[in-house]
Amino acid sequence: MEFAPVLRAEWIKIRTLRSLLGALGAILLATLAFSALGSLDAGGPDADPLFSAFFGVAFGQIAAIAFGTTAVASEFQGGALRATLAAVPRRGRWFAAKMLAIAGPVLAVGLVTGGASLAVGRAVLGAGADGLSWAEGVRGVIGCAIYLTLMALLAAGLAAVLRSGVATLSVLIPFLLIVSFVIGDMSGTVADLLPDKAGQVVFRETWDGVLGPWTGLAVTALWTAAALLAGTWRVRSRDA
């Protein structure tokens, strides 16, 4: 089977699963809600208005991770993967189509979420957002879409390795919460190279670590690439 019909089939799977559509909606809603709360609490001369406007991405990424995890983990339930591979024997082609079907919707929702978060953040911050430049806003919106997509694909790759949605979420969710809320703003350490902390530099107006906005996203992309390579190997080496 050619790649285009495989991709179409994977897209049909995603749009017909209510849990996946709900996860896409949750990306937008969770991000906007917590961005509004983060902007309300922002204040003082040292406040970062860009980070305040995109504060909710740290919570919206949980929904993106759930989306990527569920999209892959559903294949390991009820013999679904056996039926899929019977139609598409080339496992690498199927896995590439699955990842593209995951990335497309998250990227689109991420762009909408980024634009809405910026608008909500500016409205709530009021005069506090006057220092935000047009270029910084665009960077935040584009960075939001890329970051959420990378985190969804990271989860998808790990789900292919673990072959379990519960196991994947049990690893990623505590990991992200520990990095974001326990390590917090520690900078200049190995924590700067962890996938979420590196990628979220794109939401900073100023930064102190070794990574900048785009190099931070590049580090997140390397983590994602490693997860996808491991997922590809697992899919090819294990029976359905």
Protein backbone atom coordinates (compact mmCIF):
# COMPACT_ATOMS: atom_id res chain seq x y z
CA MET A 1 0.00 0.00 0.00
CA GLU A 2 1.26 3.48 -0.89
CA PHE A 3 1.98 6.04 1.81
CA ALA A 4 -0.96 8.36 1.04
CA PRO A 5 -3.73 5.80 1.72
CA VAL A 6 -1.91 4.65 4.86
CA LEU A 7 -1.82 8.22 6.11
CA ARG A 8 -5.49 8.67 5.25
CA ALA A 9 -6.38 5.54 7.20
CA GLU A 10 -4.44 6.76 10.25
CA TRP A 11 -6.15 10.14 10.07
CA ILE A 12 -9.55 8.42 9.99
CA LYS A 13 -8.61 6.49 13.14
CA ILE A 14 -7.71 9.68 14.96
CA ARG A 15 -10.76 11.70 14.00
CA THR A 16 -13.14 8.86 14.92
CA LEU A 17 -11.75 8.32 18.44
CA ARG A 18 -13.56 10.67 20.83
CA SER A 19 -10.81 10.48 23.41
CA LEU A 20 -8.32 11.85 20.88
CA LEU A 21 -10.60 14.70 19.84
CA GLY A 22 -11.16 15.46 23.51
CA ALA A 23 -7.40 15.58 24.12
CA LEU A 24 -7.00 18.09 21.28
CA GLY A 25 -9.69 20.29 22.80
CA ALA A 26 -8.07 19.94 26.21
CA ILE A 27 -4.79 21.31 24.84
CA LEU A 28 -6.51 24.57 23.98
CA LEU A 29 -8.72 24.83 27.07
CA ALA A 30 -6.06 23.91 29.64
CA THR A 31 -3.48 26.21 28.10
CA LEU A 32 -5.82 29.20 27.95
CA ALA A 33 -7.14 28.69 31.48
CA PHE A 34 -3.73 28.46 33.11
CA SER A 35 -2.26 31.21 30.92
CA ALA A 36 -5.00 33.53 32.16
CA LEU A 37 -4.26 32.55 35.76
CA GLY A 38 -0.52 32.95 35.22
CA SER A 39 -1.03 36.41 33.74
CA LEU A 40 -3.24 37.43 36.66
CA ASP A 41 -0.46 36.55 39.10
CA ALA A 42 2.28 38.22 37.06
CA GLY A 43 3.60 41.42 38.50
CA GLY A 44 6.68 43.28 39.59
CA PRO A 45 9.58 44.70 37.61
CA ASP A 46 11.18 41.28 37.09
CA ALA A 47 8.08 39.64 35.62
CA ASP A 48 8.40 38.02 32.19
CA PRO A 49 5.23 38.94 30.25
CA LEU A 50 5.94 36.45 27.46
CA PHE A 51 6.29 33.57 29.90
CA SER A 52 3.16 34.70 31.74
CA ALA A 53 1.16 34.69 28.50
CA PHE A 54 2.31 31.15 27.71
CA PHE A 55 2.34 29.85 31.27
CA GLY A 56 -0.50 27.45 30.50
CA VAL A 57 1.54 25.48 27.96
CA ALA A 58 3.10 23.58 30.89
CA PHE A 59 -0.40 22.22 31.55
CA GLY A 60 -1.61 22.00 27.96
CA GLN A 61 1.34 19.73 27.17
CA ILE A 62 -0.22 17.07 29.42
CA ALA A 63 -3.16 16.86 27.00
CA ALA A 64 -0.74 16.76 24.02
CA ILE A 65 1.13 13.90 25.66
CA ALA A 66 -2.15 12.09 26.31
CA PHE A 67 -3.06 12.55 22.63
CA GLY A 68 0.19 11.09 21.33
CA THR A 69 0.14 8.26 23.86
CA THR A 70 -3.45 7.23 23.20
CA ALA A 71 -3.08 7.37 19.43
CA VAL A 72 -0.30 4.77 19.57
CA ALA A 73 -1.37 2.73 22.61
CA SER A 74 -4.81 2.07 21.06
CA GLU A 75 -3.05 -0.03 18.42
CA PHE A 76 -1.96 -2.53 21.06
CA GLN A 77 -5.48 -3.21 22.28
CA GLY A 78 -7.74 -5.94 20.94
CA GLY A 79 -5.39 -7.01 18.16
CA ALA A 80 -5.76 -3.72 16.28
CA LEU A 81 -2.10 -3.67 15.30
CA ARG A 82 -2.30 -7.14 13.75
CA ALA A 83 -5.14 -5.99 11.52
CA THR A 84 -3.24 -2.82 10.63
CA LEU A 85 -0.05 -4.67 9.72
CA ALA A 86 -2.00 -7.18 7.67
CA ALA A 87 -3.05 -4.26 5.47
CA VAL A 88 0.30 -2.45 5.72
CA PRO A 89 3.09 -5.06 6.02
CA ARG A 90 5.82 -2.42 5.86
CA ARG A 91 5.95 -1.44 9.51
CA GLY A 92 8.20 1.57 9.02
CA ARG A 93 5.74 3.05 6.53
CA TRP A 94 2.85 2.52 8.95
CA PHE A 95 4.75 4.05 11.87
CA ALA A 96 5.76 7.10 9.80
CA ALA A 97 2.13 7.60 8.74
CA LYS A 98 0.98 7.28 12.36
CA MET A 99 3.48 9.90 13.53
CA LEU A 100 2.49 12.30 10.75
CA ALA A 101 -1.19 11.80 11.60
CA ILE A 102 -0.36 12.70 15.21
CA ALA A 103 1.86 15.67 14.39
CA GLY A 104 -0.53 17.40 11.97
CA PRO A 105 -3.51 17.95 14.32
CA VAL A 106 -1.30 18.90 17.28
CA LEU A 107 0.62 21.41 15.17
CA ALA A 108 -2.62 23.00 13.96
CA VAL A 109 -4.14 23.11 17.44
CA GLY A 110 -0.84 24.38 18.79
CA LEU A 111 -0.89 27.36 16.44
CA VAL A 112 -4.45 28.24 17.46
CA THR A 113 -3.56 27.73 21.11
CA GLY A 114 -0.47 29.89 20.82
CA GLY A 115 -2.35 32.74 19.17
CA ALA A 116 -5.18 32.56 21.69
CA SER A 117 -2.78 32.38 24.65
CA LEU A 118 -0.96 35.46 23.45
CA ALA A 119 -4.24 37.35 23.03
CA VAL A 120 -5.52 36.27 26.46
CA GLY A 121 -2.20 37.02 28.09
CA ARG A 122 -2.04 40.52 26.60
CA ALA A 123 -5.61 41.23 27.66
CA VAL A 124 -5.08 40.06 31.24
CA LEU A 125 -1.66 41.65 31.63
CA GLY A 126 -2.87 44.99 30.31
CA ALA A 127 -0.12 47.58 30.62
CA GLY A 128 2.23 44.82 31.77
CA ALA A 129 2.33 43.51 28.21
CA ASP A 130 3.42 46.82 26.68
CA GLY A 131 7.03 45.66 26.55
CA LEU A 132 6.22 42.62 24.46
CA SER A 133 7.43 43.05 20.90
CA TRP A 134 5.73 41.71 17.80
CA ALA A 135 8.69 39.40 17.12
CA GLU A 136 8.54 37.94 20.64
CA GLY A 137 4.83 37.28 20.28
CA VAL A 138 5.30 35.49 16.96
CA ARG A 139 8.13 33.47 18.45
CA GLY A 140 5.87 32.41 21.31
CA VAL A 141 3.03 31.37 19.00
CA ILE A 142 5.25 29.37 16.65
CA GLY A 143 7.21 27.96 19.56
CA CYS A 144 3.98 26.84 21.22
CA ALA A 145 2.94 24.84 18.16
CA ILE A 146 6.35 23.24 17.69
CA TYR A 147 6.82 22.47 21.38
CA LEU A 148 3.42 20.80 21.80
CA THR A 149 3.96 18.77 18.62
CA LEU A 150 7.37 17.58 19.79
CA MET A 151 6.01 16.55 23.19
CA ALA A 152 3.12 14.64 21.57
CA LEU A 153 5.57 12.79 19.32
CA LEU A 154 7.91 12.11 22.24
CA ALA A 155 4.99 10.45 24.04
CA ALA A 156 4.02 8.53 20.90
CA GLY A 157 7.53 7.15 20.49
CA LEU A 158 7.69 6.10 24.13
CA ALA A 159 4.24 4.48 23.86
CA ALA A 160 5.52 2.41 20.93
CA VAL A 161 8.46 1.27 23.08
CA LEU A 162 6.41 0.46 26.18
CA ARG A 163 3.33 -0.77 24.26
CA SER A 164 1.12 0.63 27.01
CA GLY A 165 -0.64 3.94 27.47
CA VAL A 166 -0.76 3.58 31.24
CA ALA A 167 2.98 2.86 31.47
CA THR A 168 3.82 5.78 29.19
CA LEU A 169 1.75 8.29 31.12
CA SER A 170 3.06 6.89 34.41
CA VAL A 171 6.57 7.72 33.24
CA LEU A 172 6.04 11.06 31.51
CA ILE A 173 3.53 12.84 33.73
CA PRO A 174 5.48 12.52 37.02
CA PHE A 175 8.68 13.33 35.13
CA LEU A 176 7.25 16.55 33.74
CA LEU A 177 5.72 17.58 37.06
CA ILE A 178 9.01 16.99 38.88
CA VAL A 179 11.02 18.93 36.32
CA SER A 180 8.59 21.83 36.09
CA PHE A 181 7.59 22.25 39.73
CA VAL A 182 10.41 20.77 41.83
CA ILE A 183 13.46 21.80 39.83
CA GLY A 184 11.61 24.96 38.84
CA ASP A 185 13.81 27.86 37.80
CA MET A 186 17.15 26.21 38.55
CA SER A 187 19.41 27.19 35.69
CA GLY A 188 22.92 26.31 34.61
CA THR A 189 22.49 22.62 35.48
CA VAL A 190 21.88 19.42 33.54
CA ALA A 191 18.16 20.11 34.05
CA ASP A 192 18.46 22.71 31.27
CA LEU A 193 18.86 19.83 28.81
CA LEU A 194 15.71 17.96 29.82
CA PRO A 195 13.05 17.99 27.07
CA ASP A 196 10.41 20.20 28.69
CA LYS A 197 12.72 22.69 30.37
CA ALA A 198 14.81 23.09 27.20
CA GLY A 199 11.80 23.58 24.95
CA GLN A 200 10.08 26.08 27.23
CA VAL A 201 12.94 28.56 26.86
CA VAL A 202 11.10 29.67 23.72
CA PHE A 203 8.50 31.26 26.03
CA ARG A 204 11.04 33.39 27.85
CA GLU A 205 11.60 37.03 27.00
CA THR A 206 15.06 36.72 28.55
CA TRP A 207 16.97 33.60 29.57
CA ASP A 208 19.99 32.82 31.74
CA GLY A 209 20.94 29.28 30.73
CA VAL A 210 23.15 28.01 27.95
CA LEU A 211 20.18 27.41 25.64
CA GLY A 212 18.28 30.03 23.69
CA PRO A 213 14.72 29.75 22.34
CA TRP A 214 15.53 27.82 19.19
CA THR A 215 18.46 25.81 20.53
CA GLY A 216 16.19 24.78 23.39
CA LEU A 217 13.59 23.51 20.94
CA ALA A 218 16.38 21.72 19.07
CA VAL A 219 17.27 19.84 22.27
CA THR A 220 13.62 18.86 22.70
CA ALA A 221 13.62 17.71 19.08
CA LEU A 222 16.64 15.49 19.78
CA TRP A 223 14.80 13.84 22.68
CA THR A 224 11.80 13.32 20.39
CA ALA A 225 13.95 11.90 17.60
CA ALA A 226 15.50 9.43 20.04
CA ALA A 227 12.06 8.31 21.23
CA LEU A 228 10.82 7.88 17.66
CA LEU A 229 13.89 5.89 16.64
CA ALA A 230 13.41 3.63 19.65
CA GLY A 231 9.72 3.31 18.79
CA THR A 232 10.51 2.41 15.19
CA TRP A 233 12.96 -0.26 16.33
CA ARG A 234 10.41 -1.68 18.78
CA VAL A 235 7.64 -1.84 16.18
CA ARG A 236 9.90 -3.59 13.69
CA SER A 237 11.41 -6.05 16.16
CA ARG A 238 8.34 -7.17 18.12
CA ASP A 239 5.40 -9.26 16.98
CA ALA A 240 2.07 -7.46 16.81
